PDB file of all heavy atoms in Angstrom:
ATOM      1  N   THR A   1      72.338-130.971  51.674  1.00  0.00           N
ATOM      2  CA  THR A   1      71.747-130.458  50.354  1.00  0.00           C
ATOM      3  C   THR A   1      70.593-131.300  49.877  1.00  0.00           C
ATOM      4  O   THR A   1      69.636-130.729  49.430  1.00  0.00           O
ATOM      5  CB  THR A   1      72.926-130.601  49.294  1.00  0.00           C
ATOM      6  OG1 THR A   1      74.070-129.857  49.754  1.00  0.00           O
ATOM      7  CG2 THR A   1      72.440-130.075  48.011  1.00  0.00           C
ATOM      8  N   PHE A   2      70.624-132.594  50.010  1.00  0.00           N
ATOM      9  CA  PHE A   2      69.618-133.500  49.623  1.00  0.00           C
ATOM     10  C   PHE A   2      68.344-133.200  50.497  1.00  0.00           C
ATOM     11  O   PHE A   2      67.216-133.129  49.966  1.00  0.00           O
ATOM     12  CB  PHE A   2      69.980-134.981  49.762  1.00  0.00           C
ATOM     13  CG  PHE A   2      68.866-135.877  49.414  1.00  0.00           C
ATOM     14  CD1 PHE A   2      68.606-136.272  48.089  1.00  0.00           C
ATOM     15  CD2 PHE A   2      68.101-136.410  50.419  1.00  0.00           C
ATOM     16  CE1 PHE A   2      67.698-137.164  47.768  1.00  0.00           C
ATOM     17  CE2 PHE A   2      67.068-137.347  49.995  1.00  0.00           C
ATOM     18  CZ  PHE A   2      66.835-137.697  48.696  1.00  0.00           C
ATOM     19  N   ALA A   3      68.555-133.060  51.804  1.00  0.00           N
ATOM     20  CA  ALA A   3      67.429-132.760  52.648  1.00  0.00           C
ATOM     21  C   ALA A   3      66.896-131.460  52.385  1.00  0.00           C
ATOM     22  O   ALA A   3      65.650-131.265  52.344  1.00  0.00           O
ATOM     23  CB  ALA A   3      67.937-132.804  54.191  1.00  0.00           C
ATOM     24  N   GLY A   4      67.759-130.521  52.059  1.00  0.00           N
ATOM     25  CA  GLY A   4      67.156-129.189  51.680  1.00  0.00           C
ATOM     26  C   GLY A   4      66.437-129.206  50.438  1.00  0.00           C
ATOM     27  O   GLY A   4      65.396-128.634  50.342  1.00  0.00           O
ATOM     28  N   GLY A   5      66.938-129.966  49.461  1.00  0.00           N
ATOM     29  CA  GLY A   5      66.171-130.129  48.192  1.00  0.00           C
ATOM     30  C   GLY A   5      64.845-130.884  48.396  1.00  0.00           C
ATOM     31  O   GLY A   5      63.817-130.428  47.882  1.00  0.00           O
ATOM     32  N   ALA A   6      64.827-131.837  49.262  1.00  0.00           N
ATOM     33  CA  ALA A   6      63.618-132.606  49.538  1.00  0.00           C
ATOM     34  C   ALA A   6      62.647-131.672  50.211  1.00  0.00           C
ATOM     35  O   ALA A   6      61.409-131.685  49.930  1.00  0.00           O
ATOM     36  CB  ALA A   6      63.846-133.744  50.359  1.00  0.00           C
ATOM     37  N   PHE A   7      63.194-130.829  51.139  1.00  0.00           N
ATOM     38  CA  PHE A   7      62.297-129.955  51.858  1.00  0.00           C
ATOM     39  C   PHE A   7      61.753-128.880  50.895  1.00  0.00           C
ATOM     40  O   PHE A   7      60.540-128.522  50.892  1.00  0.00           O
ATOM     41  CB  PHE A   7      63.130-129.243  52.994  1.00  0.00           C
ATOM     42  CG  PHE A   7      62.263-128.173  53.769  1.00  0.00           C
ATOM     43  CD1 PHE A   7      61.415-128.561  54.719  1.00  0.00           C
ATOM     44  CD2 PHE A   7      62.436-126.867  53.351  1.00  0.00           C
ATOM     45  CE1 PHE A   7      60.655-127.582  55.315  1.00  0.00           C
ATOM     46  CE2 PHE A   7      61.638-125.838  54.024  1.00  0.00           C
ATOM     47  CZ  PHE A   7      60.825-126.279  55.094  1.00  0.00           C
ATOM     48  N   ALA A   8      62.635-128.445  50.018  1.00  0.00           N
ATOM     49  CA  ALA A   8      62.121-127.420  49.049  1.00  0.00           C
ATOM     50  C   ALA A   8      61.155-127.996  48.170  1.00  0.00           C
ATOM     51  O   ALA A   8      60.140-127.396  47.756  1.00  0.00           O
ATOM     52  CB  ALA A   8      63.381-126.924  48.206  1.00  0.00           C
ATOM     53  N   SER A   9      61.402-129.320  47.740  1.00  0.00           N
ATOM     54  CA  SER A   9      60.418-129.962  46.883  1.00  0.00           C
ATOM     55  C   SER A   9      59.180-130.141  47.509  1.00  0.00           C
ATOM     56  O   SER A   9      58.017-129.934  46.929  1.00  0.00           O
ATOM     57  CB  SER A   9      60.960-131.302  46.414  1.00  0.00           C
ATOM     58  OG  SER A   9      62.189-131.064  45.674  1.00  0.00           O
ATOM     59  N   GLY A  10      59.149-130.473  48.831  1.00  0.00           N
ATOM     60  CA  GLY A  10      57.983-130.651  49.605  1.00  0.00           C
ATOM     61  C   GLY A  10      57.199-129.427  49.722  1.00  0.00           C
ATOM     62  O   GLY A  10      55.942-129.306  49.598  1.00  0.00           O
ATOM     63  N   ALA A  11      57.942-128.314  49.929  1.00  0.00           N
ATOM     64  CA  ALA A  11      57.329-126.999  50.040  1.00  0.00           C
ATOM     65  C   ALA A  11      56.687-126.577  48.745  1.00  0.00           C
ATOM     66  O   ALA A  11      55.561-126.066  48.794  1.00  0.00           O
ATOM     67  CB  ALA A  11      58.334-125.971  50.447  1.00  0.00           C
ATOM     68  N   LEU A  12      57.372-126.907  47.652  1.00  0.00           N
ATOM     69  CA  LEU A  12      56.821-126.539  46.347  1.00  0.00           C
ATOM     70  C   LEU A  12      55.599-127.364  46.083  1.00  0.00           C
ATOM     71  O   LEU A  12      54.550-126.848  45.477  1.00  0.00           O
ATOM     72  CB  LEU A  12      57.851-126.764  45.219  1.00  0.00           C
ATOM     73  CG  LEU A  12      58.986-125.753  45.267  1.00  0.00           C
ATOM     74  CD1 LEU A  12      60.019-126.138  44.221  1.00  0.00           C
ATOM     75  CD2 LEU A  12      58.528-124.351  44.907  1.00  0.00           C
ATOM     76  N   ALA A  13      55.659-128.665  46.436  1.00  0.00           N
ATOM     77  CA  ALA A  13      54.463-129.501  46.221  1.00  0.00           C
ATOM     78  C   ALA A  13      53.306-129.026  47.070  1.00  0.00           C
ATOM     79  O   ALA A  13      52.163-128.926  46.642  1.00  0.00           O
ATOM     80  CB  ALA A  13      54.830-130.991  46.566  1.00  0.00           C
ATOM     81  N   LYS A  14      53.600-128.549  48.321  1.00  0.00           N
ATOM     82  CA  LYS A  14      52.624-128.033  49.145  1.00  0.00           C
ATOM     83  C   LYS A  14      51.964-126.868  48.525  1.00  0.00           C
ATOM     84  O   LYS A  14      50.720-126.555  48.548  1.00  0.00           O
ATOM     85  CB  LYS A  14      53.099-127.796  50.575  1.00  0.00           C
ATOM     86  CG  LYS A  14      52.074-127.350  51.548  1.00  0.00           C
ATOM     87  CD  LYS A  14      52.678-127.127  52.882  1.00  0.00           C
ATOM     88  CE  LYS A  14      51.639-126.707  53.902  1.00  0.00           C
ATOM     89  NZ  LYS A  14      52.214-126.469  55.238  1.00  0.00           N
ATOM     90  N   ASP A  15      52.847-125.884  48.002  1.00  0.00           N
ATOM     91  CA  ASP A  15      52.347-124.660  47.417  1.00  0.00           C
ATOM     92  C   ASP A  15      51.506-124.973  46.207  1.00  0.00           C
ATOM     93  O   ASP A  15      50.502-124.331  45.892  1.00  0.00           O
ATOM     94  CB  ASP A  15      53.539-123.786  47.045  1.00  0.00           C
ATOM     95  CG  ASP A  15      54.158-123.247  48.281  1.00  0.00           C
ATOM     96  OD1 ASP A  15      53.588-123.309  49.331  1.00  0.00           O
ATOM     97  OD2 ASP A  15      55.344-122.764  48.128  1.00  0.00           O
ATOM     98  N   ALA A  16      51.962-126.045  45.411  1.00  0.00           N
ATOM     99  CA  ALA A  16      51.213-126.355  44.220  1.00  0.00           C
ATOM    100  C   ALA A  16      49.815-126.808  44.516  1.00  0.00           C
ATOM    101  O   ALA A  16      48.946-126.703  43.689  1.00  0.00           O
ATOM    102  CB  ALA A  16      51.999-127.415  43.435  1.00  0.00           C
ATOM    103  N   LYS A  17      49.618-127.452  45.678  1.00  0.00           N
ATOM    104  CA  LYS A  17      48.280-127.915  46.003  1.00  0.00           C
ATOM    105  C   LYS A  17      47.367-126.833  46.568  1.00  0.00           C
ATOM    106  O   LYS A  17      46.161-127.043  46.689  1.00  0.00           O
ATOM    107  CB  LYS A  17      48.442-129.005  47.062  1.00  0.00           C
ATOM    108  CG  LYS A  17      49.162-130.220  46.640  1.00  0.00           C
ATOM    109  CD  LYS A  17      49.266-131.274  47.667  1.00  0.00           C
ATOM    110  CE  LYS A  17      49.981-132.589  47.209  1.00  0.00           C
ATOM    111  NZ  LYS A  17      50.146-133.558  48.264  1.00  0.00           N
ATOM    112  N   GLN A  18      47.948-125.613  46.837  1.00  0.00           N
ATOM    113  CA  GLN A  18      47.085-124.540  47.273  1.00  0.00           C
ATOM    114  C   GLN A  18      46.153-124.159  46.100  1.00  0.00           C
ATOM    115  O   GLN A  18      46.537-124.002  44.976  1.00  0.00           O
ATOM    116  CB  GLN A  18      47.968-123.341  47.723  1.00  0.00           C
ATOM    117  CG  GLN A  18      48.819-123.577  48.908  1.00  0.00           C
ATOM    118  CD  GLN A  18      47.935-123.836  50.126  1.00  0.00           C
ATOM    119  OE1 GLN A  18      46.934-123.149  50.324  1.00  0.00           O
ATOM    120  NE2 GLN A  18      48.360-124.830  50.952  1.00  0.00           N
ATOM    121  N   PRO A  19      44.861-123.899  46.366  1.00  0.00           N
ATOM    122  CA  PRO A  19      43.882-123.391  45.412  1.00  0.00           C
ATOM    123  C   PRO A  19      44.360-122.073  44.802  1.00  0.00           C
ATOM    124  O   PRO A  19      44.842-121.246  45.528  1.00  0.00           O
ATOM    125  CB  PRO A  19      42.574-123.366  46.158  1.00  0.00           C
ATOM    126  CG  PRO A  19      42.976-123.199  47.580  1.00  0.00           C
ATOM    127  CD  PRO A  19      44.239-123.942  47.795  1.00  0.00           C
ATOM    128  N   PRO A  20      44.010-121.887  43.592  1.00  0.00           N
ATOM    129  CA  PRO A  20      44.360-120.608  42.997  1.00  0.00           C
ATOM    130  C   PRO A  20      43.720-119.459  43.693  1.00  0.00           C
ATOM    131  O   PRO A  20      44.346-118.380  43.768  1.00  0.00           O
ATOM    132  CB  PRO A  20      43.805-120.726  41.519  1.00  0.00           C
ATOM    133  CG  PRO A  20      43.718-122.279  41.350  1.00  0.00           C
ATOM    134  CD  PRO A  20      43.416-122.829  42.641  1.00  0.00           C
ATOM    135  N   LYS A  21      42.519-119.583  44.123  1.00  0.00           N
ATOM    136  CA  LYS A  21      41.826-118.501  44.877  1.00  0.00           C
ATOM    137  C   LYS A  21      41.399-119.041  46.217  1.00  0.00           C
ATOM    138  O   LYS A  21      40.238-119.569  46.397  1.00  0.00           O
ATOM    139  CB  LYS A  21      40.593-118.047  44.037  1.00  0.00           C
ATOM    140  CG  LYS A  21      40.932-117.605  42.675  1.00  0.00           C
ATOM    141  CD  LYS A  21      39.711-116.864  41.936  1.00  0.00           C
ATOM    142  CE  LYS A  21      39.554-115.520  42.408  1.00  0.00           C
ATOM    143  NZ  LYS A  21      38.533-114.720  41.525  1.00  0.00           N
ATOM    144  N   PRO A  22      42.247-118.949  47.202  1.00  0.00           N
ATOM    145  CA  PRO A  22      41.865-119.385  48.527  1.00  0.00           C
ATOM    146  C   PRO A  22      40.640-118.881  49.125  1.00  0.00           C
ATOM    147  O   PRO A  22      39.942-119.562  49.965  1.00  0.00           O
ATOM    148  CB  PRO A  22      43.107-118.970  49.431  1.00  0.00           C
ATOM    149  CG  PRO A  22      44.244-118.836  48.386  1.00  0.00           C
ATOM    150  CD  PRO A  22      43.539-118.310  47.158  1.00  0.00           C
ATOM    151  N   GLN A  23      40.254-117.674  48.775  1.00  0.00           N
ATOM    152  CA  GLN A  23      39.012-117.068  49.294  1.00  0.00           C
ATOM    153  C   GLN A  23      37.766-117.793  48.706  1.00  0.00           C
ATOM    154  O   GLN A  23      36.599-117.583  49.283  1.00  0.00           O
ATOM    155  CB  GLN A  23      38.976-115.573  48.844  1.00  0.00           C
ATOM    156  CG  GLN A  23      38.777-115.278  47.356  1.00  0.00           C
ATOM    157  CD  GLN A  23      40.141-115.157  46.650  1.00  0.00           C
ATOM    158  OE1 GLN A  23      41.153-115.807  47.021  1.00  0.00           O
ATOM    159  NE2 GLN A  23      40.162-114.396  45.651  1.00  0.00           N
ATOM    160  N   ASN A  24      37.960-118.648  47.742  1.00  0.00           N
ATOM    161  CA  ASN A  24      36.801-119.401  47.263  1.00  0.00           C
ATOM    162  C   ASN A  24      36.567-120.736  47.944  1.00  0.00           C
ATOM    163  O   ASN A  24      35.671-121.443  47.676  1.00  0.00           O
ATOM    164  CB  ASN A  24      36.970-119.723  45.729  1.00  0.00           C
ATOM    165  CG  ASN A  24      36.764-118.520  44.889  1.00  0.00           C
ATOM    166  OD1 ASN A  24      36.478-117.418  45.385  1.00  0.00           O
ATOM    167  ND2 ASN A  24      36.962-118.628  43.601  1.00  0.00           N
ATOM    168  N   VAL A  25      37.384-121.116  49.010  1.00  0.00           N
ATOM    169  CA  VAL A  25      37.165-122.288  49.717  1.00  0.00           C
ATOM    170  C   VAL A  25      36.190-121.987  50.789  1.00  0.00           C
ATOM    171  O   VAL A  25      36.547-121.358  51.838  1.00  0.00           O
ATOM    172  CB  VAL A  25      38.516-122.792  50.322  1.00  0.00           C
ATOM    173  CG1 VAL A  25      38.360-124.040  51.100  1.00  0.00           C
ATOM    174  CG2 VAL A  25      39.575-123.030  49.157  1.00  0.00           C
ATOM    175  N   LEU A  26      34.878-122.305  50.521  1.00  0.00           N
ATOM    176  CA  LEU A  26      33.853-121.955  51.416  1.00  0.00           C
ATOM    177  C   LEU A  26      32.953-123.155  51.720  1.00  0.00           C
ATOM    178  O   LEU A  26      32.945-124.091  50.964  1.00  0.00           O
ATOM    179  CB  LEU A  26      33.048-120.818  50.801  1.00  0.00           C
ATOM    180  CG  LEU A  26      33.709-119.496  50.511  1.00  0.00           C
ATOM    181  CD1 LEU A  26      32.938-118.648  49.627  1.00  0.00           C
ATOM    182  CD2 LEU A  26      34.137-118.767  51.854  1.00  0.00           C
ATOM    183  N   SER A  27      32.113-123.039  52.738  1.00  0.00           N
ATOM    184  CA  SER A  27      31.073-124.017  52.960  1.00  0.00           C
ATOM    185  C   SER A  27      29.924-123.761  52.014  1.00  0.00           C
ATOM    186  O   SER A  27      29.813-122.694  51.463  1.00  0.00           O
ATOM    187  CB  SER A  27      30.505-123.933  54.455  1.00  0.00           C
ATOM    188  OG  SER A  27      29.905-122.647  54.594  1.00  0.00           O
ATOM    189  N   PRO A  28      29.020-124.663  51.862  1.00  0.00           N
ATOM    190  CA  PRO A  28      27.849-124.427  50.993  1.00  0.00           C
ATOM    191  C   PRO A  28      27.070-123.247  51.494  1.00  0.00           C
ATOM    192  O   PRO A  28      26.592-122.351  50.576  1.00  0.00           O
ATOM    193  CB  PRO A  28      27.029-125.670  51.146  1.00  0.00           C
ATOM    194  CG  PRO A  28      28.031-126.753  51.435  1.00  0.00           C
ATOM    195  CD  PRO A  28      29.095-126.125  52.302  1.00  0.00           C
ATOM    196  N   ASP A  29      26.848-123.056  52.673  1.00  0.00           N
ATOM    197  CA  ASP A  29      26.019-121.888  53.211  1.00  0.00           C
ATOM    198  C   ASP A  29      26.757-120.564  52.935  1.00  0.00           C
ATOM    199  O   ASP A  29      26.144-119.533  52.502  1.00  0.00           O
ATOM    200  CB  ASP A  29      25.718-122.028  54.622  1.00  0.00           C
ATOM    201  CG  ASP A  29      24.693-123.074  54.883  1.00  0.00           C
ATOM    202  OD1 ASP A  29      23.900-123.415  54.000  1.00  0.00           O
ATOM    203  OD2 ASP A  29      24.616-123.690  55.994  1.00  0.00           O
ATOM    204  N   ALA A  30      28.079-120.579  53.221  1.00  0.00           N
ATOM    205  CA  ALA A  30      28.834-119.363  52.974  1.00  0.00           C
ATOM    206  C   ALA A  30      28.889-118.993  51.473  1.00  0.00           C
ATOM    207  O   ALA A  30      28.941-117.825  51.143  1.00  0.00           O
ATOM    208  CB  ALA A  30      30.230-119.553  53.532  1.00  0.00           C
ATOM    209  N   SER A  31      28.960-120.078  50.675  1.00  0.00           N
ATOM    210  CA  SER A  31      28.942-119.764  49.224  1.00  0.00           C
ATOM    211  C   SER A  31      27.712-119.187  48.698  1.00  0.00           C
ATOM    212  O   SER A  31      27.716-118.202  47.940  1.00  0.00           O
ATOM    213  CB  SER A  31      29.215-121.130  48.463  1.00  0.00           C
ATOM    214  OG  SER A  31      30.422-121.695  48.774  1.00  0.00           O
ATOM    215  N   LEU A  32      26.546-119.639  49.293  1.00  0.00           N
ATOM    216  CA  LEU A  32      25.300-119.055  48.919  1.00  0.00           C
ATOM    217  C   LEU A  32      25.210-117.582  49.401  1.00  0.00           C
ATOM    218  O   LEU A  32      24.686-116.712  48.729  1.00  0.00           O
ATOM    219  CB  LEU A  32      24.154-119.872  49.450  1.00  0.00           C
ATOM    220  CG  LEU A  32      22.747-119.381  49.225  1.00  0.00           C
ATOM    221  CD1 LEU A  32      22.520-119.315  47.679  1.00  0.00           C
ATOM    222  CD2 LEU A  32      21.669-120.295  49.875  1.00  0.00           C
ATOM    223  N   LYS A  33      25.734-117.305  50.562  1.00  0.00           N
ATOM    224  CA  LYS A  33      25.677-115.962  51.065  1.00  0.00           C
ATOM    225  C   LYS A  33      26.443-115.054  50.276  1.00  0.00           C
ATOM    226  O   LYS A  33      26.117-113.939  49.909  1.00  0.00           O
ATOM    227  CB  LYS A  33      26.228-116.067  52.542  1.00  0.00           C
ATOM    228  CG  LYS A  33      26.220-114.675  53.320  1.00  0.00           C
ATOM    229  CD  LYS A  33      26.713-114.920  54.719  1.00  0.00           C
ATOM    230  CE  LYS A  33      26.653-113.559  55.474  1.00  0.00           C
ATOM    231  NZ  LYS A  33      27.705-112.601  55.002  1.00  0.00           N
ATOM    232  N   ARG A  34      27.670-115.513  49.808  1.00  0.00           N
ATOM    233  CA  ARG A  34      28.540-114.628  48.985  1.00  0.00           C
ATOM    234  C   ARG A  34      27.848-114.504  47.617  1.00  0.00           C
ATOM    235  O   ARG A  34      27.930-113.325  47.126  1.00  0.00           O
ATOM    236  CB  ARG A  34      29.935-115.425  48.832  1.00  0.00           C
ATOM    237  CG  ARG A  34      30.834-114.553  47.908  1.00  0.00           C
ATOM    238  CD  ARG A  34      32.269-115.248  47.841  1.00  0.00           C
ATOM    239  NE  ARG A  34      32.981-114.695  46.782  1.00  0.00           N
ATOM    240  CZ  ARG A  34      34.217-115.213  46.477  1.00  0.00           C
ATOM    241  NH1 ARG A  34      34.675-116.260  47.189  1.00  0.00           N
ATOM    242  NH2 ARG A  34      34.885-114.640  45.504  1.00  0.00           N
ATOM    243  N   LEU A  35      27.204-115.442  47.117  1.00  0.00           N
ATOM    244  CA  LEU A  35      26.547-115.314  45.823  1.00  0.00           C
ATOM    245  C   LEU A  35      25.385-114.274  45.875  1.00  0.00           C
ATOM    246  O   LEU A  35      25.386-113.358  45.041  1.00  0.00           O
ATOM    247  CB  LEU A  35      25.969-116.709  45.411  1.00  0.00           C
ATOM    248  CG  LEU A  35      25.666-116.879  43.891  1.00  0.00           C
ATOM    249  CD1 LEU A  35      26.997-116.892  43.123  1.00  0.00           C
ATOM    250  CD2 LEU A  35      24.927-118.250  43.774  1.00  0.00           C
ATOM    251  N   MET A  36      24.648-114.292  46.902  1.00  0.00           N
ATOM    252  CA  MET A  36      23.504-113.325  47.016  1.00  0.00           C
ATOM    253  C   MET A  36      23.996-111.962  47.399  1.00  0.00           C
ATOM    254  O   MET A  36      23.466-110.912  46.986  1.00  0.00           O
ATOM    255  CB  MET A  36      22.564-113.766  48.112  1.00  0.00           C
ATOM    256  CG  MET A  36      21.922-115.200  47.690  1.00  0.00           C
ATOM    257  SD  MET A  36      21.291-115.198  45.971  1.00  0.00           S
ATOM    258  CE  MET A  36      19.958-114.005  46.087  1.00  0.00           C
ATOM    259  N   GLU A  37      25.124-111.859  48.118  1.00  0.00           N
ATOM    260  CA  GLU A  37      25.691-110.501  48.373  1.00  0.00           C
ATOM    261  C   GLU A  37      26.163-109.901  47.007  1.00  0.00           C
ATOM    262  O   GLU A  37      26.064-108.635  46.899  1.00  0.00           O
ATOM    263  CB  GLU A  37      26.855-110.689  49.334  1.00  0.00           C
ATOM    264  CG  GLU A  37      26.462-110.953  50.750  1.00  0.00           C
ATOM    265  CD  GLU A  37      27.602-111.167  51.714  1.00  0.00           C
ATOM    266  OE1 GLU A  37      28.730-111.352  51.203  1.00  0.00           O
ATOM    267  OE2 GLU A  37      27.470-111.125  52.927  1.00  0.00           O
ATOM    268  N   GLY A  38      26.740-110.698  46.274  1.00  0.00           N
ATOM    269  CA  GLY A  38      27.139-110.148  44.944  1.00  0.00           C
ATOM    270  C   GLY A  38      25.935-109.785  44.041  1.00  0.00           C
ATOM    271  O   GLY A  38      26.057-108.639  43.470  1.00  0.00           O
ATOM    272  N   ASN A  39      24.841-110.442  44.169  1.00  0.00           N
ATOM    273  CA  ASN A  39      23.654-109.992  43.446  1.00  0.00           C
ATOM    274  C   ASN A  39      23.138-108.654  43.985  1.00  0.00           C
ATOM    275  O   ASN A  39      22.631-107.850  43.233  1.00  0.00           O
ATOM    276  CB  ASN A  39      22.604-111.141  43.532  1.00  0.00           C
ATOM    277  CG  ASN A  39      21.327-110.707  42.776  1.00  0.00           C
ATOM    278  OD1 ASN A  39      20.192-110.548  43.402  1.00  0.00           O
ATOM    279  ND2 ASN A  39      21.414-110.575  41.466  1.00  0.00           N
ATOM    280  N   GLY A  40      23.280-108.563  45.234  1.00  0.00           N
ATOM    281  CA  GLY A  40      22.831-107.317  45.948  1.00  0.00           C
ATOM    282  C   GLY A  40      23.554-106.103  45.437  1.00  0.00           C
ATOM    283  O   GLY A  40      23.065-104.973  45.188  1.00  0.00           O
ATOM    284  N   ARG A  41      24.924-106.296  45.204  1.00  0.00           N
ATOM    285  CA  ARG A  41      25.740-105.191  44.716  1.00  0.00           C
ATOM    286  C   ARG A  41      25.402-104.899  43.267  1.00  0.00           C
ATOM    287  O   ARG A  41      25.351-103.753  42.835  1.00  0.00           O
ATOM    288  CB  ARG A  41      27.246-105.622  44.754  1.00  0.00           C
ATOM    289  CG  ARG A  41      27.767-105.664  46.148  1.00  0.00           C
ATOM    290  CD  ARG A  41      29.344-105.745  46.192  1.00  0.00           C
ATOM    291  NE  ARG A  41      29.818-106.917  45.460  1.00  0.00           N
ATOM    292  CZ  ARG A  41      30.071-108.105  46.006  1.00  0.00           C
ATOM    293  NH1 ARG A  41      29.721-108.332  47.235  1.00  0.00           N
ATOM    294  NH2 ARG A  41      30.469-109.123  45.265  1.00  0.00           N
ATOM    295  N   TYR A  42      25.118-105.993  42.455  1.00  0.00           N
ATOM    296  CA  TYR A  42      24.752-105.873  41.076  1.00  0.00           C
ATOM    297  C   TYR A  42      23.460-105.001  40.988  1.00  0.00           C
ATOM    298  O   TYR A  42      23.300-104.112  40.142  1.00  0.00           O
ATOM    299  CB  TYR A  42      24.558-107.245  40.500  1.00  0.00           C
ATOM    300  CG  TYR A  42      23.915-107.249  39.144  1.00  0.00           C
ATOM    301  CD1 TYR A  42      24.652-106.799  37.930  1.00  0.00           C
ATOM    302  CD2 TYR A  42      22.646-107.750  38.956  1.00  0.00           C
ATOM    303  CE1 TYR A  42      24.071-106.859  36.701  1.00  0.00           C
ATOM    304  CE2 TYR A  42      22.092-107.823  37.689  1.00  0.00           C
ATOM    305  CZ  TYR A  42      22.795-107.378  36.571  1.00  0.00           C
ATOM    306  OH  TYR A  42      22.190-107.388  35.372  1.00  0.00           O
TER     307      TYR A  42
END
C-alpha cells in the first residue's frame, strides 16, 4: 500500500511537472517559425 501510494504520488508529481501546453515546448527556431506561420494565417 505504501509503495503504491509512493508510486502514485510520484506519478502525480511527474504529471504536475508537465507543462500546461506541451505543444509550446519548442526550440528558439521552431518558436519563430510557428510565430510567423501564425502571422501568415492572420
